[in-house]
PDB file of N, CA and C in Angstrom:
ATOM      1  N   MET A   1      -1.767  39.396  20.989  1.00  0.00           N
ATOM      2  CA  MET A   1      -0.855  38.405  20.410  1.00  0.00           C
ATOM      3  C   MET A   1      -1.483  37.165  19.797  1.00  0.00           C
ATOM      4  N   GLU A   2      -1.270  37.021  18.562  1.00  0.00           N
ATOM      5  CA  GLU A   2      -1.709  35.828  17.828  1.00  0.00           C
ATOM      6  C   GLU A   2      -0.812  34.673  17.900  1.00  0.00           C
ATOM      7  N   ILE A   3      -1.324  33.502  18.185  1.00  0.00           N
ATOM      8  CA  ILE A   3      -0.502  32.254  18.181  1.00  0.00           C
ATOM      9  C   ILE A   3      -0.773  31.621  16.872  1.00  0.00           C
ATOM     10  N   ARG A   4       0.284  31.338  16.301  1.00  0.00           N
ATOM     11  CA  ARG A   4       0.251  30.504  15.003  1.00  0.00           C
ATOM     12  C   ARG A   4       1.080  29.231  15.095  1.00  0.00           C
ATOM     13  N   LEU A   5       0.384  28.220  14.781  1.00  0.00           N
ATOM     14  CA  LEU A   5       1.007  26.896  14.772  1.00  0.00           C
ATOM     15  C   LEU A   5       1.151  26.464  13.371  1.00  0.00           C
ATOM     16  N   PRO A   6       2.158  25.629  12.909  1.00  0.00           N
ATOM     17  CA  PRO A   6       2.238  25.318  11.562  1.00  0.00           C
ATOM     18  C   PRO A   6       1.144  24.386  11.104  1.00  0.00           C
ATOM     19  N   PHE A   7       0.577  24.645  10.004  1.00  0.00           N
ATOM     20  CA  PHE A   7      -0.479  23.815   9.283  1.00  0.00           C
ATOM     21  C   PHE A   7       0.214  22.648   8.638  1.00  0.00           C
ATOM     22  N   VAL A   8      -0.270  21.492   8.903  1.00  0.00           N
ATOM     23  CA  VAL A   8       0.315  20.198   8.338  1.00  0.00           C
ATOM     24  C   VAL A   8      -0.900  19.732   7.404  1.00  0.00           C
ATOM     25  N   PRO A   9      -0.691  19.562   6.188  1.00  0.00           N
ATOM     26  CA  PRO A   9      -1.607  19.229   5.172  1.00  0.00           C
ATOM     27  C   PRO A   9      -2.025  17.673   5.639  1.00  0.00           C
ATOM     28  N   PRO A  10      -3.279  17.426   5.649  1.00  0.00           N
ATOM     29  CA  PRO A  10      -3.706  16.047   6.023  1.00  0.00           C
ATOM     30  C   PRO A  10      -2.906  14.869   5.424  1.00  0.00           C
ATOM     31  N   ASN A  11      -2.832  14.902   4.219  1.00  0.00           N
ATOM     32  CA  ASN A  11      -2.172  13.671   3.494  1.00  0.00           C
ATOM     33  C   ASN A  11      -0.662  13.618   4.005  1.00  0.00           C
ATOM     34  N   ASP A  12       0.010  14.760   4.128  1.00  0.00           N
ATOM     35  CA  ASP A  12       1.400  14.729   4.606  1.00  0.00           C
ATOM     36  C   ASP A  12       1.443  14.036   6.063  1.00  0.00           C
ATOM     37  N   ASN A  13       0.446  14.466   6.830  1.00  0.00           N
ATOM     38  CA  ASN A  13       0.447  13.888   8.199  1.00  0.00           C
ATOM     39  C   ASN A  13      -0.015  12.440   8.165  1.00  0.00           C
ATOM     40  N   ARG A  14      -0.862  11.997   7.254  1.00  0.00           N
ATOM     41  CA  ARG A  14      -1.216  10.593   7.039  1.00  0.00           C
ATOM     42  C   ARG A  14       0.076   9.769   6.860  1.00  0.00           C
ATOM     43  N   VAL A  15       0.893  10.276   5.841  1.00  0.00           N
ATOM     44  CA  VAL A  15       2.053   9.456   5.507  1.00  0.00           C
ATOM     45  C   VAL A  15       2.951   9.386   6.585  1.00  0.00           C
ATOM     46  N   ALA A  16       3.223  10.468   7.382  1.00  0.00           N
ATOM     47  CA  ALA A  16       4.119  10.371   8.501  1.00  0.00           C
ATOM     48  C   ALA A  16       3.521   9.402   9.528  1.00  0.00           C
ATOM     49  N   MET A  17       2.336   9.497   9.800  1.00  0.00           N
ATOM     50  CA  MET A  17       1.727   8.606  10.876  1.00  0.00           C
ATOM     51  C   MET A  17       1.877   7.153  10.389  1.00  0.00           C
ATOM     52  N   GLU A  18       1.529   6.773   9.103  1.00  0.00           N
ATOM     53  CA  GLU A  18       1.622   5.436   8.698  1.00  0.00           C
ATOM     54  C   GLU A  18       3.143   4.941   8.717  1.00  0.00           C
ATOM     55  N   GLN A  19       4.050   5.780   8.398  1.00  0.00           N
ATOM     56  CA  GLN A  19       5.444   5.362   8.429  1.00  0.00           C
ATOM     57  C   GLN A  19       5.818   5.041   9.933  1.00  0.00           C
ATOM     58  N   ALA A  20       5.345   5.955  10.833  1.00  0.00           N
ATOM     59  CA  ALA A  20       5.611   5.726  12.246  1.00  0.00           C
ATOM     60  C   ALA A  20       4.987   4.445  12.886  1.00  0.00           C
ATOM     61  N   LEU A  21       3.790   4.122  12.399  1.00  0.00           N
ATOM     62  CA  LEU A  21       3.086   2.958  12.812  1.00  0.00           C
ATOM     63  C   LEU A  21       3.840   1.716  12.381  1.00  0.00           C
ATOM     64  N   ARG A  22       4.185   1.687  11.128  1.00  0.00           N
ATOM     65  CA  ARG A  22       4.857   0.592  10.556  1.00  0.00           C
ATOM     66  C   ARG A  22       6.258   0.377  11.235  1.00  0.00           C
ATOM     67  N   LYS A  23       7.010   1.549  11.445  1.00  0.00           N
ATOM     68  CA  LYS A  23       8.316   1.439  12.044  1.00  0.00           C
ATOM     69  C   LYS A  23       8.195   0.858  13.564  1.00  0.00           C
ATOM     70  N   GLY A  24       7.001   1.095  14.133  1.00  0.00           N
ATOM     71  CA  GLY A  24       6.876   0.634  15.471  1.00  0.00           C
ATOM     72  C   GLY A  24       6.225  -0.684  15.618  1.00  0.00           C
ATOM     73  N   GLY A  25       6.004  -1.377  14.433  1.00  0.00           N
ATOM     74  CA  GLY A  25       5.634  -2.757  14.344  1.00  0.00           C
ATOM     75  C   GLY A  25       4.088  -2.894  14.437  1.00  0.00           C
ATOM     76  N   ASN A  26       3.386  -1.842  14.377  1.00  0.00           N
ATOM     77  CA  ASN A  26       1.898  -1.860  14.482  1.00  0.00           C
ATOM     78  C   ASN A  26       1.394  -2.534  13.147  1.00  0.00           C
ATOM     79  N   LYS A  27       0.354  -3.405  13.281  1.00  0.00           N
ATOM     80  CA  LYS A  27      -0.098  -4.069  12.003  1.00  0.00           C
ATOM     81  C   LYS A  27      -1.699  -3.784  11.921  1.00  0.00           C
ATOM     82  N   ASP A  28      -2.219  -3.633  13.029  1.00  0.00           N
ATOM     83  CA  ASP A  28      -3.716  -3.459  13.136  1.00  0.00           C
ATOM     84  C   ASP A  28      -4.166  -1.921  13.397  1.00  0.00           C
ATOM     85  N   TYR A  29      -4.133  -1.222  12.284  1.00  0.00           N
ATOM     86  CA  TYR A  29      -4.592   0.208  12.308  1.00  0.00           C
ATOM     87  C   TYR A  29      -5.280   0.602  11.016  1.00  0.00           C
ATOM     88  N   THR A  30      -6.046   1.610  11.075  1.00  0.00           N
ATOM     89  CA  THR A  30      -6.791   2.250  10.011  1.00  0.00           C
ATOM     90  C   THR A  30      -6.556   3.718  10.119  1.00  0.00           C
ATOM     91  N   ILE A  31      -6.226   4.283   8.954  1.00  0.00           N
ATOM     92  CA  ILE A  31      -6.050   5.776   8.950  1.00  0.00           C
ATOM     93  C   ILE A  31      -7.258   6.196   7.967  1.00  0.00           C
ATOM     94  N   VAL A  32      -8.015   7.169   8.625  1.00  0.00           N
ATOM     95  CA  VAL A  32      -9.205   7.719   7.905  1.00  0.00           C
ATOM     96  C   VAL A  32      -9.017   9.186   7.892  1.00  0.00           C
ATOM     97  N   LEU A  33      -9.072   9.821   6.671  1.00  0.00           N
ATOM     98  CA  LEU A  33      -9.178  11.285   6.655  1.00  0.00           C
ATOM     99  C   LEU A  33     -10.648  11.663   6.543  1.00  0.00           C
ATOM    100  N   LEU A  34     -11.190  12.363   7.543  1.00  0.00           N
ATOM    101  CA  LEU A  34     -12.440  12.901   7.631  1.00  0.00           C
ATOM    102  C   LEU A  34     -12.560  14.315   7.102  1.00  0.00           C
ATOM    103  N   PRO A  35     -13.382  14.605   6.056  1.00  0.00           N
ATOM    104  CA  PRO A  35     -13.440  16.038   5.573  1.00  0.00           C
ATOM    105  C   PRO A  35     -13.778  17.032   6.689  1.00  0.00           C
ATOM    106  N   LYS A  36     -13.185  18.094   6.664  1.00  0.00           N
ATOM    107  CA  LYS A  36     -13.345  19.269   7.554  1.00  0.00           C
ATOM    108  C   LYS A  36     -12.896  18.957   8.999  1.00  0.00           C
ATOM    109  N   ALA A  37     -12.242  17.888   9.244  1.00  0.00           N
ATOM    110  CA  ALA A  37     -11.786  17.701  10.531  1.00  0.00           C
ATOM    111  C   ALA A  37     -10.472  18.292  10.849  1.00  0.00           C
ATOM    112  N   ASN A  38     -10.422  18.955  12.059  1.00  0.00           N
ATOM    113  CA  ASN A  38      -9.070  19.541  12.495  1.00  0.00           C
ATOM    114  C   ASN A  38      -8.314  18.432  13.184  1.00  0.00           C
ATOM    115  N   HIS A  39      -7.284  18.722  13.927  1.00  0.00           N
ATOM    116  CA  HIS A  39      -6.364  17.654  14.542  1.00  0.00           C
ATOM    117  C   HIS A  39      -7.170  17.190  15.825  1.00  0.00           C
ATOM    118  N   LEU A  40      -8.273  17.753  16.348  1.00  0.00           N
ATOM    119  CA  LEU A  40      -9.015  17.288  17.439  1.00  0.00           C
ATOM    120  C   LEU A  40     -10.184  16.596  16.907  1.00  0.00           C
ATOM    121  N   SER A  41     -10.418  16.299  15.565  1.00  0.00           N
ATOM    122  CA  SER A  41     -11.603  15.702  14.961  1.00  0.00           C
ATOM    123  C   SER A  41     -12.840  16.606  15.168  1.00  0.00           C
ATOM    124  N   ILE A  42     -12.663  17.921  15.421  1.00  0.00           N
ATOM    125  CA  ILE A  42     -13.746  18.821  15.498  1.00  0.00           C
ATOM    126  C   ILE A  42     -13.878  19.439  14.048  1.00  0.00           C
ATOM    127  N   GLU A  43     -15.171  19.742  13.782  1.00  0.00           N
ATOM    128  CA  GLU A  43     -15.439  20.263  12.426  1.00  0.00           C
ATOM    129  C   GLU A  43     -14.942  21.675  12.379  1.00  0.00           C
ATOM    130  N   ALA A  44     -14.098  21.896  11.397  1.00  0.00           N
ATOM    131  CA  ALA A  44     -13.491  23.279  11.135  1.00  0.00           C
ATOM    132  C   ALA A  44     -13.539  23.599   9.673  1.00  0.00           C
ATOM    133  N   GLN A  45     -13.460  24.867   9.383  1.00  0.00           N
ATOM    134  CA  GLN A  45     -13.402  25.394   7.983  1.00  0.00           C
ATOM    135  C   GLN A  45     -11.949  25.552   7.665  1.00  0.00           C
ATOM    136  N   THR A  46     -11.113  26.104   8.468  1.00  0.00           N
ATOM    137  CA  THR A  46      -9.775  26.426   8.050  1.00  0.00           C
ATOM    138  C   THR A  46      -8.719  25.791   8.898  1.00  0.00           C
ATOM    139  N   GLY A  47      -9.069  25.273  10.026  1.00  0.00           N
ATOM    140  CA  GLY A  47      -8.109  24.658  11.016  1.00  0.00           C
ATOM    141  C   GLY A  47      -7.376  25.715  11.761  1.00  0.00           C
ATOM    142  N   SER A  48      -7.657  27.025  11.561  1.00  0.00           N
ATOM    143  CA  SER A  48      -6.959  28.131  12.306  1.00  0.00           C
ATOM    144  C   SER A  48      -7.481  28.168  13.790  1.00  0.00           C
ATOM    145  N   TRP A  49      -6.573  28.672  14.592  1.00  0.00           N
ATOM    146  CA  TRP A  49      -7.071  28.837  16.002  1.00  0.00           C
ATOM    147  C   TRP A  49      -8.023  30.015  16.057  1.00  0.00           C
ATOM    148  N   LYS A  50      -8.102  30.913  15.083  1.00  0.00           N
ATOM    149  CA  LYS A  50      -9.117  31.950  15.066  1.00  0.00           C
ATOM    150  C   LYS A  50     -10.514  31.451  15.166  1.00  0.00           C
ATOM    151  N   GLU A  51     -10.767  30.354  14.649  1.00  0.00           N
ATOM    152  CA  GLU A  51     -12.194  29.821  14.607  1.00  0.00           C
ATOM    153  C   GLU A  51     -12.375  28.805  15.790  1.00  0.00           C
ATOM    154  N   VAL A  52     -11.593  28.560  16.827  1.00  0.00           N
ATOM    155  CA  VAL A  52     -11.615  27.654  17.743  1.00  0.00           C
ATOM    156  C   VAL A  52     -13.010  27.861  18.620  1.00  0.00           C
ATOM    157  N   PHE A  53     -13.406  29.017  18.848  1.00  0.00           N
ATOM    158  CA  PHE A  53     -14.522  29.435  19.617  1.00  0.00           C
ATOM    159  C   PHE A  53     -15.858  29.168  19.010  1.00  0.00           C
ATOM    160  N   GLN A  54     -15.739  29.050  17.609  1.00  0.00           N
ATOM    161  CA  GLN A  54     -16.934  28.752  16.853  1.00  0.00           C
ATOM    162  C   GLN A  54     -17.182  27.241  16.601  1.00  0.00           C
ATOM    163  N   MET A  55     -16.212  26.429  16.903  1.00  0.00           N
ATOM    164  CA  MET A  55     -16.284  25.089  16.656  1.00  0.00           C
ATOM    165  C   MET A  55     -17.289  24.363  17.657  1.00  0.00           C
ATOM    166  N   ARG A  56     -18.212  23.625  17.068  1.00  0.00           N
ATOM    167  CA  ARG A  56     -19.366  23.088  17.995  1.00  0.00           C
ATOM    168  C   ARG A  56     -19.261  21.568  18.029  1.00  0.00           C
ATOM    169  N   ARG A  57     -18.798  20.860  17.141  1.00  0.00           N
ATOM    170  CA  ARG A  57     -19.090  19.456  17.093  1.00  0.00           C
ATOM    171  C   ARG A  57     -17.976  18.638  16.458  1.00  0.00           C
ATOM    172  N   PHE A  58     -17.987  17.352  16.724  1.00  0.00           N
ATOM    173  CA  PHE A  58     -17.126  16.390  15.913  1.00  0.00           C
ATOM    174  C   PHE A  58     -17.558  16.391  14.581  1.00  0.00           C
ATOM    175  N   VAL A  59     -16.707  16.106  13.674  1.00  0.00           N
ATOM    176  CA  VAL A  59     -17.124  15.994  12.309  1.00  0.00           C
ATOM    177  C   VAL A  59     -18.029  14.860  12.116  1.00  0.00           C
ATOM    178  N   PRO A  60     -18.938  14.889  11.124  1.00  0.00           N
ATOM    179  CA  PRO A  60     -19.842  13.785  10.855  1.00  0.00           C
ATOM    180  C   PRO A  60     -19.021  12.539  10.479  1.00  0.00           C
ATOM    181  N   GLY A  61     -19.445  11.394  11.101  1.00  0.00           N
ATOM    182  CA  GLY A  61     -18.730  10.086  10.834  1.00  0.00           C
ATOM    183  C   GLY A  61     -17.626   9.805  11.810  1.00  0.00           C
ATOM    184  N   TYR A  62     -17.190  10.723  12.640  1.00  0.00           N
ATOM    185  CA  TYR A  62     -16.079  10.522  13.517  1.00  0.00           C
ATOM    186  C   TYR A  62     -16.487   9.297  14.557  1.00  0.00           C
ATOM    187  N   HIS A  63     -17.546   9.556  15.296  1.00  0.00           N
ATOM    188  CA  HIS A  63     -17.874   8.473  16.297  1.00  0.00           C
ATOM    189  C   HIS A  63     -18.086   7.141  15.537  1.00  0.00           C
ATOM    190  N   ASP A  64     -18.848   7.168  14.452  1.00  0.00           N
ATOM    191  CA  ASP A  64     -19.258   5.761  13.807  1.00  0.00           C
ATOM    192  C   ASP A  64     -18.009   5.154  13.287  1.00  0.00           C
ATOM    193  N   THR A  65     -16.917   5.899  12.898  1.00  0.00           N
ATOM    194  CA  THR A  65     -15.740   5.394  12.482  1.00  0.00           C
ATOM    195  C   THR A  65     -14.993   4.613  13.529  1.00  0.00           C
ATOM    196  N   ILE A  66     -14.966   5.354  14.724  1.00  0.00           N
ATOM    197  CA  ILE A  66     -14.282   4.700  15.886  1.00  0.00           C
ATOM    198  C   ILE A  66     -15.022   3.523  16.377  1.00  0.00           C
ATOM    199  N   ILE A  67     -16.429   3.586  16.479  1.00  0.00           N
ATOM    200  CA  ILE A  67     -17.144   2.523  17.024  1.00  0.00           C
ATOM    201  C   ILE A  67     -17.025   1.262  16.146  1.00  0.00           C
ATOM    202  N   ASN A  68     -17.227   1.468  14.805  1.00  0.00           N
ATOM    203  CA  ASN A  68     -17.070   0.394  13.947  1.00  0.00           C
ATOM    204  C   ASN A  68     -15.637  -0.306  13.911  1.00  0.00           C
ATOM    205  N   TRP A  69     -14.625   0.543  14.082  1.00  0.00           N
ATOM    206  CA  TRP A  69     -13.198  -0.118  14.192  1.00  0.00           C
ATOM    207  C   TRP A  69     -13.174  -1.010  15.295  1.00  0.00           C
ATOM    208  N   ILE A  70     -13.660  -0.432  16.401  1.00  0.00           N
ATOM    209  CA  ILE A  70     -13.575  -1.230  17.803  1.00  0.00           C
ATOM    210  C   ILE A  70     -14.399  -2.482  17.634  1.00  0.00           C
ATOM    211  N   ARG A  71     -15.696  -2.416  17.119  1.00  0.00           N
ATOM    212  CA  ARG A  71     -16.595  -3.544  16.927  1.00  0.00           C
ATOM    213  C   ARG A  71     -15.907  -4.683  16.204  1.00  0.00           C
ATOM    214  N   LYS A  72     -15.232  -4.428  15.158  1.00  0.00           N
ATOM    215  CA  LYS A  72     -14.586  -5.410  14.371  1.00  0.00           C
ATOM    216  C   LYS A  72     -13.422  -6.231  15.095  1.00  0.00           C
ATOM    217  N   ARG A  73     -13.073  -5.622  16.227  1.00  0.00           N
ATOM    218  CA  ARG A  73     -11.862  -6.238  16.966  1.00  0.00           C
ATOM    219  C   ARG A  73     -12.207  -6.707  18.398  1.00  0.00           C
ATOM    220  N   VAL A  74     -13.468  -6.358  18.814  1.00  0.00           N
ATOM    221  CA  VAL A  74     -13.821  -6.740  20.227  1.00  0.00           C
ATOM    222  C   VAL A  74     -15.134  -7.558  20.208  1.00  0.00           C
ATOM    223  N   SER A  75     -15.095  -8.733  20.874  1.00  0.00           N
ATOM    224  CA  SER A  75     -16.262  -9.447  20.944  1.00  0.00           C
ATOM    225  C   SER A  75     -17.046  -9.103  22.244  1.00  0.00           C
ATOM    226  N   SER A  76     -18.460  -9.029  22.114  1.00  0.00           N
ATOM    227  CA  SER A  76     -19.255  -8.710  23.221  1.00  0.00           C
ATOM    228  C   SER A  76     -19.790 -10.035  23.785  1.00  0.00           C
ATOM    229  N   LYS A  77     -19.434 -11.138  23.206  1.00  0.00           N
ATOM    230  CA  LYS A  77     -19.919 -12.523  23.776  1.00  0.00           C
ATOM    231  C   LYS A  77     -19.187 -12.761  25.101  1.00  0.00           C
ATOM    232  N   LYS A  78     -19.982 -13.345  25.997  1.00  0.00           N
ATOM    233  CA  LYS A  78     -19.390 -13.689  27.374  1.00  0.00           C
ATOM    234  C   LYS A  78     -19.424 -15.161  27.568  1.00  0.00           C
TER     235      LYS A  78
END
């Protein structure tokens, strides 16, 4: 049996996320589309569940993007 989940184009998903964030009153957010990232931020070619066992790493830039976003908002001074 093959499990198929609906594919959501990244830009459509971005628009929906941004609308939800605005509706919820969130003002401090950044949406970044990383090439070849699936919904788990793992590097993927198609995003299909068929390739899940071949996925090996987060997409390049994922961790740096998160770290830089946090550093801009958190002070390490004591």
